[in-house]
Structures are given as structure tokens and as C-alpha cells.
Amino acid sequence: MRVDIARDVADVLLDGDLLGHTTHGLALLAPYLDELAHERMARRGEPDIVSSRQAAQLWDGQRLPGPWLTLRALEAAMTMARECGTGTIVVRHSHHIACLAAYLRRATDKGLMAIIESSDPTVAAVVPHGGLTPFITPNPIAAGLPTSGDPILVDVSTSITSMGFARQQMRAGKQLPGPWLIDARGQPTADPGALFNEPKGALLPLGGLDSGYKGFALALLVEALTAGLAGHGRADPPAGWGGTVWVQVIDPQAFGGLAAFVRQLDAVAAAARGAKPRREGESVRLPGERALQHYREALARGLALYPTILPALAPWAQKYGVPLPQSTS
């Protein structure tokens, strides 16, 4: 792979693990290598700009690695936002983009707000609320919000959990924390194998059986912002594992100003943290708070890789003659 692309992919995957997203960090490296080996991920090239206005562009990603494309889109959107107050890039025909939270601090550290959403038109794993047939991906939504301290980092699926987490728990022989799936008969289950074993079940939308209409509605919004604006999605022939991506950056300076934005977010954050905890001895955490704590601890003490990562990389290390990293403990 071209060196600059490889470096960006490595940075995003590592940041995913540093933030504690063990399903969407270095666990993706072996599958990405398999995609490269079978020519399903492009090794070099540039995205095509399909349409362009002052604060909006549509790119064709040419099956290039999603982390590299998303970083390029974020950079372009930040430039637009500085000039126009906001900038939006939609990317079609991207490969998979890994952990959405891994991109956000690149904007918040500059006093900008970033929103990233993605869908994969080739995968159907989540049912519509009240339905039995999966029709959509978990369609995550991420947002980075600057404050006077650590940013608020939102990264949530519009399904009740992700496919990656369900697969990780299945391989570990564990149950999900709750009945987050339905089996092929429509019965709620905590067995992650129901998503992958025949007859297959499906993921429930965010809100589960009772309030899943909320996640269902949000998933449709993500489809509109990704596939709809890209003009490429489920209405088209499948093109392999990948993503359609929506990246938007907003400059608070174009509105009430960054200082006013931070003052308001600080007040909201303080109110949340000051809430009486439901459980004695615990406290309310803001989105991204635990992830940033994990990030700092890992940088200071070393990163504990999820147990399945190095075994998955062993055959690739042998194939390419690359030594596996050794434990520092």
C-alpha cells in the first residue's frame, strides 16, 4: 500500500484501540489485509470529486481504505468550515472506515464540531422496528463537541449494539448483556450466535423491542445523509465490504462564537456530572470520558491488545516476514 495511506490506516486503527473500541481498532487489521490480498481494497489512487460547491462535495472513494479517505474528507470539511461556517463531504465507494470516534479529536482540538455517519449498502443485519427481516447496517453516528476541557465524544450505533461486538462476544463464548437480538422466530435473545448462525436472526434497532422506533428512525436518517446524498446505496448492486460516509464540520465562530459554544457545553456537562447518581458510589460520565481516560492510561503504561488480535495477525506476519510485536510486560 502507498506509504501515506498505510500510515493513516495504522493511526486510525491504533487510535480505536487506545480509545477502548476493541472491535473497531486493530481487530480490523487482519480482515483489511485479507481484503488487500484479494484486491477488494485499493492500494493507491485518489478519490474522484463528483460534484463540488463552496461548502459541499461528493467524492467517489474508488474502494480506497476508509480511514485514509475519511481523514482526507475531514481535512477538506474543516477547510470549508473555516471559510463558510460549515463544510460537508459525502463519500461513496469507500472501503470500511473503522472506529468513528478515532477521527473526532482532529476537529475538536481545533475548536471545531465534527459529525461523522456511515452505512454499508452491502450488509443487512438490523431489522426495522416491528419487522423480522434485516434490511440495514448498524449505521453509526459520531460527533465531537469541544468544551473547555476534554471534548465530548459521541459514537453510537442506531442499532442496540454493533455487529463487531456481537461477533467478539460469540468468539469469546459470552452472552450479550441483554436481549439485544431477535432469533429467526422473532424471539428476543442475548445469544450473539443468533446473528451469524443459520437460521440467522438480527440486531434490534436502538431502543429494543419497546422503543426501537427511535433507532429505526435514526437509521433512516443516516441512510438519507449517506446513501441518499451519495446517490449510491441499497438500490444498487452490492460492491463488497465498504461504506458510504457523511462528514460534516461546523465552526462555532460562524455562529455565536467558540467561547459562547464552550460556555453552554460546559454548563450542560457540569449539570450532567452533578446529577445524583442512580447507584451509590458511582458518578455520571459524559460520552467519551472513559475512552479518553483509557487513551491516556494506554499511552502511559502500554496498550493491552484484545486477546484475539495477535493470533489473527500471526499468519499474515508469517506471510510477509514481519515480526509480531512482543509484550512489554
Protein backbone atom coordinates (compact mmCIF):
# COMPACT_ATOMS: atom_id res chain seq x y z
CA MET A 1 0.00 0.00 0.00
CA ARG A 2 1.14 3.56 -0.62
CA VAL A 3 3.05 4.73 2.46
CA ASP A 4 0.90 7.75 3.35
CA ILE A 5 -2.28 5.67 3.08
CA ALA A 6 -0.80 2.86 5.20
CA ARG A 7 0.28 5.35 7.87
CA ASP A 8 -3.18 6.88 8.16
CA VAL A 9 -4.88 3.49 8.34
CA ALA A 10 -2.46 2.43 11.07
CA ASP A 11 -3.07 5.65 13.04
CA VAL A 12 -6.86 5.27 12.94
CA LEU A 13 -6.82 1.57 13.88
CA LEU A 14 -4.43 2.21 16.77
CA ASP A 15 -6.48 5.17 17.98
CA GLY A 16 -9.54 2.92 18.03
CA ASP A 17 -7.84 0.57 20.49
CA LEU A 18 -6.37 3.42 22.51
CA LEU A 19 -9.92 4.71 22.99
CA GLY A 20 -11.03 1.24 24.07
CA HIS A 21 -13.02 0.36 20.93
CA THR A 22 -11.57 -3.15 20.70
CA THR A 23 -13.99 -4.27 17.97
CA HIS A 24 -13.17 -1.43 15.57
CA GLY A 25 -9.45 -0.88 16.09
CA LEU A 26 -6.58 -3.27 15.45
CA ALA A 27 -9.03 -6.19 15.36
CA LEU A 28 -9.78 -4.95 11.82
CA LEU A 29 -6.17 -5.22 10.65
CA ALA A 30 -6.32 -8.92 9.71
CA PRO A 31 -9.62 -8.51 7.78
CA TYR A 32 -8.19 -5.46 6.00
CA LEU A 33 -5.11 -7.47 4.99
CA ASP A 34 -7.42 -10.14 3.60
CA GLU A 35 -9.28 -7.51 1.58
CA LEU A 36 -5.95 -6.28 0.17
CA ALA A 37 -4.79 -9.81 -0.63
CA HIS A 38 -7.95 -10.41 -2.66
CA GLU A 39 -7.81 -7.00 -4.41
CA ARG A 40 -11.03 -5.82 -2.75
CA MET A 41 -9.34 -2.75 -1.26
CA ALA A 42 -7.40 -0.28 -3.43
CA ARG A 43 -3.73 0.20 -2.58
CA ARG A 44 -3.18 3.60 -4.21
CA GLY A 45 -5.03 6.34 -6.01
CA GLU A 46 -7.14 9.40 -5.20
CA PRO A 47 -10.87 9.96 -4.77
CA ASP A 48 -12.78 11.49 -7.66
CA ILE A 49 -14.66 14.71 -6.91
CA VAL A 50 -18.05 14.04 -8.46
CA SER A 51 -19.66 17.36 -7.54
CA SER A 52 -18.43 20.44 -5.74
CA ARG A 53 -19.87 23.61 -4.25
CA GLN A 54 -18.42 26.10 -1.80
CA ALA A 55 -19.29 24.09 1.32
CA ALA A 56 -20.30 20.68 -0.05
CA GLN A 57 -18.68 17.95 -2.13
CA LEU A 58 -19.42 14.40 -3.25
CA TRP A 59 -16.46 12.09 -3.66
CA ASP A 60 -16.14 8.66 -5.24
CA GLY A 61 -13.71 6.81 -2.99
CA GLN A 62 -12.59 4.26 -5.63
CA ARG A 63 -12.57 1.49 -2.95
CA LEU A 64 -9.63 3.18 -1.21
CA PRO A 65 -9.13 2.46 2.52
CA GLY A 66 -11.85 4.15 4.53
CA PRO A 67 -9.62 5.58 7.30
CA TRP A 68 -7.46 7.43 4.76
CA LEU A 69 -10.49 8.70 2.83
CA THR A 70 -12.29 9.83 5.98
CA LEU A 71 -9.25 11.73 7.23
CA ARG A 72 -8.97 13.46 3.83
CA ALA A 73 -12.69 14.28 3.92
CA LEU A 74 -12.38 15.64 7.46
CA GLU A 75 -9.48 17.88 6.45
CA ALA A 76 -11.42 19.21 3.45
CA ALA A 77 -14.54 19.79 5.55
CA MET A 78 -12.51 21.67 8.19
CA THR A 79 -11.12 23.99 5.49
CA MET A 80 -14.66 24.63 4.22
CA ALA A 81 -15.92 25.28 7.74
CA ARG A 82 -13.22 27.88 8.40
CA GLU A 83 -14.27 29.69 5.23
CA CYS A 84 -18.04 29.11 5.17
CA GLY A 85 -19.00 28.19 8.73
CA THR A 86 -19.71 24.61 7.73
CA GLY A 87 -18.42 22.00 5.30
CA THR A 88 -19.82 18.63 4.27
CA ILE A 89 -18.18 15.81 2.33
CA VAL A 90 -20.10 12.69 1.29
CA VAL A 91 -18.05 9.72 0.08
CA ARG A 92 -19.42 6.79 -1.90
CA HIS A 93 -17.49 3.62 -2.77
CA SER A 94 -15.26 3.91 0.30
CA HIS A 95 -13.92 0.84 1.98
CA HIS A 96 -14.73 0.29 5.68
CA ILE A 97 -13.90 3.33 7.88
CA ALA A 98 -13.16 1.63 11.27
CA CYS A 99 -13.83 3.47 14.56
CA LEU A 100 -15.72 6.74 14.03
CA ALA A 101 -14.62 8.17 17.40
CA ALA A 102 -10.98 7.93 16.27
CA TYR A 103 -11.45 10.91 13.92
CA LEU A 104 -13.22 13.38 16.19
CA ARG A 105 -10.38 14.96 18.20
CA ARG A 106 -8.73 16.09 14.98
CA ALA A 107 -11.58 18.60 14.76
CA THR A 108 -12.34 19.32 18.42
CA ASP A 109 -8.68 20.08 19.17
CA LYS A 110 -9.07 22.96 16.66
CA GLY A 111 -12.26 24.27 18.27
CA LEU A 112 -14.49 22.71 15.61
CA MET A 113 -17.50 20.43 15.87
CA ALA A 114 -17.46 17.28 13.71
CA ILE A 115 -20.23 14.84 12.82
CA ILE A 116 -19.49 11.55 11.01
CA GLU A 117 -22.01 8.93 9.93
CA SER A 118 -21.68 5.81 7.80
CA SER A 119 -23.63 2.96 6.26
CA ASP A 120 -22.70 -0.12 4.27
CA PRO A 121 -25.14 -0.80 1.41
CA THR A 122 -23.96 -4.41 1.04
CA VAL A 123 -24.89 -5.55 4.57
CA ALA A 124 -28.32 -6.15 6.14
CA ALA A 125 -28.18 -7.01 9.85
CA VAL A 126 -30.71 -4.77 11.62
CA VAL A 127 -34.49 -5.20 11.47
CA PRO A 128 -36.93 -2.31 11.13
CA HIS A 129 -38.96 -1.76 14.28
CA GLY A 130 -41.74 -4.35 14.28
CA GLY A 131 -40.11 -6.40 11.50
CA LEU A 132 -38.32 -9.73 11.22
CA THR A 133 -36.26 -9.19 8.05
CA PRO A 134 -32.93 -7.36 8.44
CA PHE A 135 -32.61 -4.54 5.96
CA ILE A 136 -29.87 -2.18 7.10
CA THR A 137 -26.48 -1.87 8.86
CA PRO A 138 -26.00 -0.51 12.41
CA ASN A 139 -25.49 2.94 10.79
CA PRO A 140 -23.37 4.66 13.46
CA ILE A 141 -23.46 8.34 14.36
CA ALA A 142 -20.41 10.09 15.84
CA ALA A 143 -19.96 13.68 16.98
CA GLY A 144 -17.11 15.59 18.57
CA LEU A 145 -18.06 18.60 20.69
CA PRO A 146 -15.35 20.93 22.03
CA THR A 147 -15.50 22.09 25.66
CA SER A 148 -13.05 23.94 27.90
CA GLY A 149 -11.62 20.56 28.94
CA ASP A 150 -11.87 17.19 27.25
CA PRO A 151 -14.21 17.11 24.26
CA ILE A 152 -17.48 15.23 24.38
CA LEU A 153 -17.07 12.27 22.01
CA VAL A 154 -20.28 10.61 20.85
CA ASP A 155 -20.04 7.30 18.93
CA VAL A 156 -23.22 5.23 18.91
CA SER A 157 -24.91 2.77 16.58
CA THR A 158 -28.53 3.23 15.62
CA SER A 159 -28.87 -0.48 16.41
CA ILE A 160 -28.79 -1.64 20.01
CA THR A 161 -25.22 -2.93 19.51
CA SER A 162 -22.74 -3.39 16.68
CA MET A 163 -22.04 -6.47 14.57
CA GLY A 164 -18.41 -6.32 15.69
CA PHE A 165 -19.31 -6.52 19.37
CA ALA A 166 -21.73 -9.41 18.78
CA ARG A 167 -19.06 -11.30 16.84
CA GLN A 168 -16.44 -10.61 19.52
CA GLN A 169 -18.73 -11.94 22.26
CA MET A 170 -19.65 -15.01 20.22
CA ARG A 171 -15.99 -15.91 19.66
CA ALA A 172 -15.33 -15.44 23.37
CA GLY A 173 -18.22 -17.77 24.21
CA LYS A 174 -20.09 -15.00 26.01
CA GLN A 175 -23.67 -13.81 26.04
CA LEU A 176 -24.64 -10.22 25.29
CA PRO A 177 -25.53 -8.05 28.31
CA GLY A 178 -29.21 -8.20 27.41
CA PRO A 179 -31.70 -9.42 24.77
CA TRP A 180 -30.25 -7.21 22.05
CA LEU A 181 -31.07 -9.58 19.17
CA ILE A 182 -34.03 -11.45 17.85
CA ASP A 183 -33.69 -15.01 16.61
CA ALA A 184 -35.11 -16.31 13.34
CA ARG A 185 -38.52 -16.80 15.03
CA GLY A 186 -38.57 -13.22 16.28
CA GLN A 187 -37.86 -14.07 19.91
CA PRO A 188 -35.54 -11.75 21.88
CA THR A 189 -32.19 -13.32 22.74
CA ALA A 190 -28.83 -12.47 24.29
CA ASP A 191 -27.06 -15.19 22.26
CA PRO A 192 -24.73 -13.41 19.78
CA GLY A 193 -24.60 -16.57 17.67
CA ALA A 194 -28.16 -15.84 16.58
CA LEU A 195 -26.76 -13.12 14.32
CA PHE A 196 -24.33 -15.39 12.47
CA ASN A 197 -25.59 -18.99 12.69
CA GLU A 198 -28.34 -20.43 10.49
CA PRO A 199 -31.18 -19.77 10.67
CA LYS A 200 -29.98 -16.22 11.23
CA GLY A 201 -31.60 -13.69 13.49
CA ALA A 202 -30.88 -9.97 13.50
CA LEU A 203 -29.87 -6.96 15.54
CA LEU A 204 -32.62 -4.88 17.10
CA PRO A 205 -32.68 -1.13 16.48
CA LEU A 206 -31.63 1.16 19.30
CA GLY A 207 -34.40 1.07 21.90
CA GLY A 208 -35.04 -2.65 21.53
CA LEU A 209 -38.46 -4.24 21.28
CA ASP A 210 -40.19 -1.46 23.23
CA SER A 211 -38.69 1.74 21.82
CA GLY A 212 -36.90 0.56 18.70
CA TYR A 213 -38.83 3.01 16.56
CA LYS A 214 -36.32 5.61 17.76
CA GLY A 215 -33.27 3.74 16.47
CA PHE A 216 -35.21 2.79 13.32
CA ALA A 217 -35.90 6.47 12.61
CA LEU A 218 -32.29 7.49 13.25
CA ALA A 219 -31.04 4.70 10.96
CA LEU A 220 -33.23 6.02 8.15
CA LEU A 221 -31.79 9.50 8.71
CA VAL A 222 -28.25 8.07 8.38
CA GLU A 223 -29.26 6.30 5.14
CA ALA A 224 -30.54 9.62 3.76
CA LEU A 225 -27.37 11.51 4.70
CA THR A 226 -25.05 8.79 3.35
CA ALA A 227 -26.61 6.71 0.57
CA GLY A 228 -29.26 9.27 -0.32
CA LEU A 229 -26.88 12.18 -0.76
CA ALA A 230 -24.23 9.94 -2.35
CA GLY A 231 -26.69 8.59 -4.90
CA HIS A 232 -25.37 5.12 -4.19
CA GLY A 233 -26.75 2.57 -1.76
CA ARG A 234 -29.21 -0.27 -1.40
CA ALA A 235 -30.88 0.49 -4.71
CA ASP A 236 -27.64 -0.53 -6.47
CA PRO A 237 -25.81 -3.86 -6.98
CA PRO A 238 -23.58 -4.77 -4.00
CA ALA A 239 -19.90 -3.93 -4.40
CA GLY A 240 -18.32 -5.67 -1.40
CA TRP A 241 -17.49 -4.68 2.18
CA GLY A 242 -17.27 -0.93 2.38
CA GLY A 243 -19.01 2.23 3.38
CA THR A 244 -20.83 5.34 2.35
CA VAL A 245 -19.70 8.20 4.57
CA TRP A 246 -21.05 11.59 5.64
CA VAL A 247 -18.57 14.03 7.21
CA GLN A 248 -19.64 17.47 8.39
CA VAL A 249 -17.64 20.09 10.27
CA ILE A 250 -19.16 23.16 11.91
CA ASP A 251 -17.18 26.19 13.05
CA PRO A 252 -18.83 27.73 16.13
CA GLN A 253 -17.11 31.01 15.27
CA ALA A 254 -19.55 31.41 12.37
CA PHE A 255 -22.48 31.35 14.82
CA GLY A 256 -22.43 32.51 18.45
CA GLY A 257 -18.66 32.13 18.69
CA LEU A 258 -16.44 29.42 20.16
CA ALA A 259 -16.36 30.98 23.64
CA ALA A 260 -20.16 31.04 23.79
CA PHE A 261 -20.36 27.47 22.47
CA VAL A 262 -17.92 26.23 25.12
CA ARG A 263 -19.72 28.13 27.88
CA GLN A 264 -23.00 26.44 27.01
CA LEU A 265 -21.49 22.95 26.65
CA ASP A 266 -19.56 23.38 29.91
CA ALA A 267 -22.81 24.23 31.70
CA VAL A 268 -24.59 21.19 30.27
CA ALA A 269 -21.64 18.95 31.12
CA ALA A 270 -21.47 20.28 34.67
CA ALA A 271 -25.20 19.68 35.16
CA ALA A 272 -24.85 16.10 33.93
CA ARG A 273 -21.83 15.38 36.12
CA GLY A 274 -23.52 16.98 39.10
CA ALA A 275 -26.61 14.80 38.84
CA LYS A 276 -27.28 12.47 41.74
CA PRO A 277 -26.05 9.02 40.66
CA ARG A 278 -28.53 6.17 40.40
CA ARG A 279 -26.07 3.83 42.15
CA GLU A 280 -24.27 4.81 45.33
CA GLY A 281 -20.56 5.42 44.80
CA GLU A 282 -20.82 5.90 41.03
CA SER A 283 -20.91 9.12 39.04
CA VAL A 284 -22.34 10.25 35.74
CA ARG A 285 -19.87 10.05 32.84
CA LEU A 286 -20.06 12.10 29.67
CA PRO A 287 -19.75 10.38 26.28
CA GLY A 288 -16.08 9.76 25.54
CA GLU A 289 -14.92 10.30 29.13
CA ARG A 290 -13.98 6.68 29.75
CA ALA A 291 -12.45 6.41 26.25
CA LEU A 292 -10.14 9.38 26.83
CA GLN A 293 -9.14 8.02 30.24
CA HIS A 294 -8.29 4.69 28.57
CA TYR A 295 -6.33 6.56 25.88
CA ARG A 296 -4.15 8.38 28.39
CA GLU A 297 -3.56 5.29 30.53
CA ALA A 298 -2.59 3.23 27.46
CA LEU A 299 -0.11 5.88 26.31
CA ALA A 300 1.44 5.94 29.77
CA ARG A 301 1.53 2.20 30.51
CA GLY A 302 1.25 0.46 27.16
CA LEU A 303 -1.76 -0.86 25.25
CA ALA A 304 -3.21 -4.22 26.28
CA LEU A 305 -4.34 -5.76 22.99
CA TYR A 306 -7.57 -7.73 22.89
CA PRO A 307 -6.57 -11.44 23.10
CA THR A 308 -7.71 -12.36 19.58
CA ILE A 309 -5.69 -9.69 17.73
CA LEU A 310 -2.18 -11.17 17.67
CA PRO A 311 -3.35 -14.72 16.82
CA ALA A 312 -5.30 -13.29 13.89
CA LEU A 313 -2.19 -11.43 12.69
CA ALA A 314 0.19 -14.38 13.09
CA PRO A 315 -0.41 -15.91 9.62
CA TRP A 316 -0.07 -12.51 7.97
CA ALA A 317 3.17 -11.81 9.84
CA GLN A 318 4.49 -15.15 8.60
CA LYS A 319 3.35 -14.50 5.04
CA TYR A 320 5.02 -11.08 4.83
CA GLY A 321 8.01 -11.78 7.04
CA VAL A 322 7.05 -9.19 9.66
CA PRO A 323 7.84 -9.99 13.31
CA LEU A 324 4.88 -9.82 15.67
CA PRO A 325 5.16 -7.24 18.45
CA GLN A 326 6.39 -8.59 21.75
CA SER A 327 4.80 -7.91 25.10
CA THR A 328 6.45 -5.18 27.17
CA SER A 329 5.30 -6.72 30.48
